[in-house]
Amino acid sequence: EQGKLVSAHVPIVYGCSHACTFCIIPSKRGGERSRPVGDIVAEVRSLARQGVKEITLLGQIVDRYGKDIPDGPNLAALLRLIHDAPGAEGIERIRFLTSHPNYFGDDLINAIAELPRVMPHIELPIQAGDNEVLSNMKRGYTQQEYRDLVAKIRQRIPDCSIATDIIVGFPGETEEQFMETYRVLTDLKLDVAHLARYSVREGTVAARRMEDDITEEEKMRRFRLLENLQEEVVAEINKKYLGETVEVLFEEKVKRRWKGR
């Protein structure tokens, strides 16, 4: 309804061509297809006219935007185009997800740092902390490369919040390999960690070639360890905001009548 929507999602990349071994997206949704920049900017302008204040650009690997379009803009250039597009000034917050460490270049870091309405929040899944597990997942980077990228982002954008995704109990993950993931979370103190226990997805490389050899009890134990660790990290981060005044975006007002209140 016009004037009611505050926040909206804008898809910019469909499908995926990266094919991590645990992921079903490439076989379900096909290869990567970037939307034409003109279509995206037109949609953003339309949303601005409807009173939308925040947009989130979406892609399975959003920072691969434009790689399938010869001479087209990449994500950094698209952010600048949207940010400065006449008629899109009403969009006060621009976000994007989900990113992949392999494609998160300096130009993207600079765009976030330099564009006031692009929110300093990055979804950057590591998935696992051990290099052998990362290789089995076909992620394409090492633990150290991920650490270096986080350090680079924090140096350039000191107030940036970083979220990650982690899968515990991937086929063959030993206790020591799991503890590498635990150490990464302990050291990096990321703002959000989306945690998942590995489960077999029919049609994936992992389902065909790897035995799901870790018990559900062990997966849950590892999940709880990371969950408890992350609760401590977030409590520490949130302490910094005590007594601070921050700007928030209200999405909706809801009136509810609760019994006994």
Protein backbone atom coordinates (compact mmCIF):
# COMPACT_ATOMS: atom_id res chain seq x y z
CA GLU A 1 0.00 0.00 0.00
CA GLN A 2 1.44 3.36 -0.99
CA GLY A 3 2.93 5.30 1.89
CA LYS A 4 2.89 2.27 4.24
CA LEU A 5 6.02 0.38 3.20
CA VAL A 6 9.15 1.63 4.98
CA SER A 7 11.66 -1.03 3.95
CA ALA A 8 11.84 -3.00 0.68
CA HIS A 9 13.99 -5.68 -0.99
CA VAL A 10 15.35 -5.15 -4.51
CA PRO A 11 16.78 -8.27 -6.22
CA ILE A 12 19.83 -7.45 -8.36
CA VAL A 13 21.32 -10.92 -9.06
CA TYR A 14 19.30 -14.09 -9.68
CA GLY A 15 20.72 -17.59 -9.35
CA CYS A 16 24.34 -18.40 -8.56
CA SER A 17 27.36 -19.78 -10.41
CA HIS A 18 29.71 -20.36 -7.48
CA ALA A 19 28.38 -23.79 -6.38
CA CYS A 20 29.53 -24.36 -2.80
CA THR A 21 29.32 -28.09 -2.12
CA PHE A 22 26.58 -27.72 0.55
CA CYS A 23 24.33 -25.41 -1.50
CA ILE A 24 21.35 -26.29 -3.69
CA ILE A 25 20.79 -22.80 -5.16
CA PRO A 26 22.76 -23.24 -8.43
CA SER A 27 20.84 -26.39 -9.41
CA LYS A 28 17.47 -25.00 -8.27
CA ARG A 29 17.71 -21.43 -9.55
CA GLY A 30 20.26 -21.75 -12.33
CA GLY A 31 23.34 -19.71 -13.16
CA GLU A 32 23.95 -16.15 -12.15
CA ARG A 33 21.99 -13.43 -13.97
CA SER A 34 22.46 -9.76 -13.16
CA ARG A 35 19.51 -7.41 -13.66
CA PRO A 36 20.10 -4.45 -16.01
CA VAL A 37 21.17 -1.37 -14.08
CA GLY A 38 18.37 0.71 -15.64
CA ASP A 39 15.71 -1.67 -14.31
CA ILE A 40 17.20 -1.57 -10.81
CA VAL A 41 17.44 2.23 -10.66
CA ALA A 42 13.89 2.56 -12.03
CA GLU A 43 12.60 0.24 -9.29
CA VAL A 44 14.47 2.20 -6.60
CA ARG A 45 13.00 5.49 -7.88
CA SER A 46 9.52 3.94 -7.82
CA LEU A 47 10.01 2.78 -4.22
CA ALA A 48 11.24 6.25 -3.23
CA ARG A 49 8.06 7.76 -4.69
CA GLN A 50 6.02 5.36 -2.54
CA GLY A 51 7.73 6.64 0.60
CA VAL A 52 10.13 3.74 1.14
CA LYS A 53 13.06 4.82 3.35
CA GLU A 54 15.29 1.74 3.23
CA ILE A 55 16.18 -0.72 0.48
CA THR A 56 18.19 -3.93 0.59
CA LEU A 57 19.81 -5.10 -2.66
CA LEU A 58 19.66 -8.90 -2.85
CA GLY A 59 21.74 -11.60 -4.47
CA GLN A 60 22.87 -15.09 -3.50
CA ILE A 61 26.37 -13.65 -3.97
CA VAL A 62 25.53 -9.98 -4.20
CA ASP A 63 29.11 -8.75 -4.71
CA ARG A 64 29.28 -10.73 -7.97
CA TYR A 65 26.74 -8.32 -9.45
CA GLY A 66 27.66 -7.36 -13.02
CA LYS A 67 30.29 -10.06 -13.56
CA ASP A 68 28.08 -11.64 -16.24
CA ILE A 69 27.57 -8.31 -18.08
CA PRO A 70 30.53 -7.23 -20.25
CA ASP A 71 31.55 -3.63 -19.42
CA GLY A 72 28.60 -3.27 -17.02
CA PRO A 73 28.87 -1.72 -13.55
CA ASN A 74 29.93 -3.86 -10.59
CA LEU A 75 28.27 -3.63 -7.16
CA ALA A 76 30.42 -0.70 -6.04
CA ALA A 77 29.48 1.29 -9.15
CA LEU A 78 25.81 0.29 -8.77
CA LEU A 79 25.77 1.57 -5.18
CA ARG A 80 27.13 4.94 -6.35
CA LEU A 81 24.55 5.13 -9.16
CA ILE A 82 21.66 4.38 -6.79
CA HIS A 83 22.98 6.70 -4.10
CA ASP A 84 23.23 9.65 -6.50
CA ALA A 85 20.25 8.86 -8.77
CA PRO A 86 17.87 11.83 -9.21
CA GLY A 87 14.51 10.85 -7.76
CA ALA A 88 15.97 8.37 -5.27
CA GLU A 89 16.91 10.91 -2.61
CA GLY A 90 14.09 9.71 -0.34
CA ILE A 91 15.89 6.39 0.19
CA GLU A 92 17.73 7.09 3.44
CA ARG A 93 19.34 3.70 3.95
CA ILE A 94 20.85 1.39 1.32
CA ARG A 95 21.90 -2.15 2.29
CA PHE A 96 22.98 -5.26 0.39
CA LEU A 97 23.35 -8.97 1.07
CA THR A 98 24.78 -11.57 0.95
CA SER A 99 28.45 -11.01 0.11
CA HIS A 100 31.21 -13.56 -0.55
CA PRO A 101 34.77 -12.91 0.72
CA ASN A 102 36.30 -13.73 -2.70
CA TYR A 103 34.60 -10.82 -4.45
CA PHE A 104 34.66 -8.14 -1.75
CA GLY A 105 37.12 -5.71 -3.33
CA ASP A 106 38.62 -2.38 -2.28
CA ASP A 107 36.22 -0.50 -4.57
CA LEU A 108 33.26 -1.91 -2.61
CA ILE A 109 34.86 -1.08 0.74
CA ASN A 110 35.49 2.48 -0.50
CA ALA A 111 31.90 2.86 -1.71
CA ILE A 112 30.53 1.91 1.73
CA ALA A 113 33.01 4.25 3.42
CA GLU A 114 32.26 7.21 1.12
CA LEU A 115 28.48 7.02 0.58
CA PRO A 116 26.58 8.35 3.61
CA ARG A 117 23.33 6.52 2.89
CA VAL A 118 24.96 3.13 2.32
CA MET A 119 24.78 1.49 5.73
CA PRO A 120 28.08 0.31 7.25
CA HIS A 121 26.78 -3.24 7.70
CA ILE A 122 28.20 -6.21 5.79
CA GLU A 123 26.95 -9.81 5.63
CA LEU A 124 30.15 -11.78 5.05
CA PRO A 125 29.77 -15.54 5.62
CA ILE A 126 32.89 -17.48 6.59
CA GLN A 127 30.95 -20.82 6.95
CA ALA A 128 33.89 -22.54 8.71
CA GLY A 129 37.22 -21.59 10.26
CA ASP A 130 39.34 -24.52 9.15
CA ASN A 131 41.10 -24.41 5.79
CA GLU A 132 40.49 -28.06 4.90
CA VAL A 133 36.77 -27.75 5.70
CA LEU A 134 36.63 -24.52 3.67
CA SER A 135 38.26 -26.36 0.75
CA ASN A 136 35.76 -29.23 1.07
CA MET A 137 32.96 -26.64 1.03
CA LYS A 138 34.55 -25.13 -2.11
CA ARG A 139 34.54 -21.66 -0.59
CA GLY A 140 37.74 -20.50 -2.30
CA TYR A 141 39.53 -18.66 0.53
CA THR A 142 41.51 -19.49 3.67
CA GLN A 143 40.84 -18.54 7.27
CA GLN A 144 43.72 -16.04 7.13
CA GLU A 145 42.35 -14.40 3.99
CA TYR A 146 39.01 -13.94 5.75
CA ARG A 147 40.74 -12.45 8.83
CA ASP A 148 42.73 -10.09 6.58
CA LEU A 149 39.56 -8.93 4.81
CA VAL A 150 37.78 -8.20 8.11
CA ALA A 151 40.83 -6.24 9.29
CA LYS A 152 40.89 -4.23 6.04
CA ILE A 153 37.17 -3.43 6.31
CA ARG A 154 37.52 -2.32 9.94
CA GLN A 155 40.52 -0.15 9.15
CA ARG A 156 38.67 1.67 6.35
CA ILE A 157 35.20 1.71 8.02
CA PRO A 158 35.83 1.76 11.80
CA ASP A 159 32.13 1.73 12.77
CA CYS A 160 31.21 -1.11 10.39
CA SER A 161 29.11 -3.98 11.70
CA ILE A 162 29.93 -7.38 10.22
CA ALA A 163 27.68 -10.44 10.24
CA THR A 164 28.73 -13.96 9.33
CA ASP A 165 27.21 -17.40 8.63
CA ILE A 166 28.65 -20.60 10.07
CA ILE A 167 27.80 -24.25 9.45
CA VAL A 168 28.85 -26.73 12.16
CA GLY A 169 29.19 -30.46 11.60
CA PHE A 170 30.08 -30.36 7.91
CA PRO A 171 31.07 -33.87 6.71
CA GLY A 172 34.46 -34.87 8.10
CA GLU A 173 34.80 -31.86 10.45
CA THR A 174 36.98 -32.98 13.37
CA GLU A 175 36.89 -31.51 16.88
CA GLU A 176 40.14 -29.65 16.19
CA GLN A 177 38.74 -28.25 12.93
CA PHE A 178 35.61 -27.09 14.75
CA MET A 179 37.81 -25.36 17.34
CA GLU A 180 39.43 -23.37 14.51
CA THR A 181 35.96 -21.92 13.84
CA TYR A 182 35.54 -21.25 17.58
CA ARG A 183 38.88 -19.40 17.66
CA VAL A 184 37.96 -17.26 14.65
CA LEU A 185 34.73 -16.13 16.31
CA THR A 186 36.57 -15.52 19.59
CA ASP A 187 39.21 -13.37 17.90
CA LEU A 188 37.14 -11.42 15.39
CA LYS A 189 34.20 -10.56 17.68
CA LEU A 190 31.73 -10.13 14.82
CA ASP A 191 28.42 -8.37 15.44
CA VAL A 192 26.15 -11.20 14.29
CA ALA A 193 26.71 -14.90 13.68
CA HIS A 194 23.97 -16.87 11.91
CA LEU A 195 24.57 -20.47 13.00
CA ALA A 196 23.38 -23.66 11.32
CA ARG A 197 23.89 -27.40 11.79
CA TYR A 198 24.83 -29.17 8.57
CA SER A 199 22.03 -31.15 6.97
CA VAL A 200 22.07 -33.08 3.70
CA ARG A 201 20.49 -31.31 0.71
CA GLU A 202 19.70 -33.76 -2.08
CA GLY A 203 21.31 -32.71 -5.35
CA THR A 204 24.34 -31.04 -3.78
CA VAL A 205 27.95 -32.18 -4.27
CA ALA A 206 28.22 -32.86 -0.52
CA ALA A 207 25.18 -35.16 -0.63
CA ARG A 208 26.68 -37.14 -3.53
CA ARG A 209 30.29 -37.36 -2.42
CA MET A 210 30.54 -36.84 1.34
CA GLU A 211 29.22 -38.91 4.22
CA ASP A 212 27.15 -37.04 6.81
CA ASP A 213 29.30 -38.62 9.54
CA ILE A 214 28.74 -36.36 12.55
CA THR A 215 25.93 -37.21 14.96
CA GLU A 216 23.05 -34.82 15.57
CA GLU A 217 24.07 -34.68 19.25
CA GLU A 218 27.59 -33.58 18.33
CA LYS A 219 26.30 -31.00 15.84
CA MET A 220 24.04 -29.57 18.55
CA ARG A 221 26.91 -29.47 21.07
CA ARG A 222 29.06 -27.48 18.63
CA PHE A 223 26.10 -25.23 17.77
CA ARG A 224 25.51 -24.44 21.47
CA LEU A 225 29.20 -23.71 22.08
CA LEU A 226 29.23 -21.11 19.29
CA GLU A 227 25.82 -19.76 20.35
CA ASN A 228 27.03 -19.17 23.93
CA LEU A 229 30.28 -17.63 22.70
CA GLN A 230 28.45 -15.26 20.38
CA GLU A 231 26.06 -14.19 23.16
CA GLU A 232 29.11 -13.11 25.19
CA VAL A 233 30.58 -11.25 22.19
CA VAL A 234 27.32 -9.40 21.50
CA ALA A 235 26.89 -8.45 25.17
CA GLU A 236 30.40 -6.96 25.07
CA ILE A 237 29.64 -5.04 21.85
CA ASN A 238 26.31 -3.75 23.18
CA LYS A 239 27.94 -2.37 26.35
CA LYS A 240 29.53 0.34 24.18
CA TYR A 241 26.07 1.74 23.43
CA LEU A 242 25.03 2.22 27.07
CA GLY A 243 24.09 5.88 27.51
CA GLU A 244 24.36 6.59 23.78
CA THR A 245 21.60 8.04 21.59
CA VAL A 246 21.25 6.36 18.20
CA GLU A 247 18.95 6.82 15.22
CA VAL A 248 16.49 4.02 14.49
CA LEU A 249 14.10 3.42 11.62
CA PHE A 250 10.55 2.47 12.66
CA GLU A 251 9.05 -0.07 10.28
CA GLU A 252 5.51 -0.06 11.64
CA LYS A 253 3.33 0.79 14.60
CA VAL A 254 1.42 -2.17 15.98
CA LYS A 255 -1.35 -1.86 18.55
CA ARG A 256 -2.00 -5.05 20.47
CA ARG A 257 -4.06 -5.63 23.56
CA TRP A 258 -2.45 -8.22 25.76
CA LYS A 259 -4.35 -9.93 28.58
CA GLY A 260 -3.14 -8.79 31.95
CA ARG A 261 -1.35 -5.70 30.58
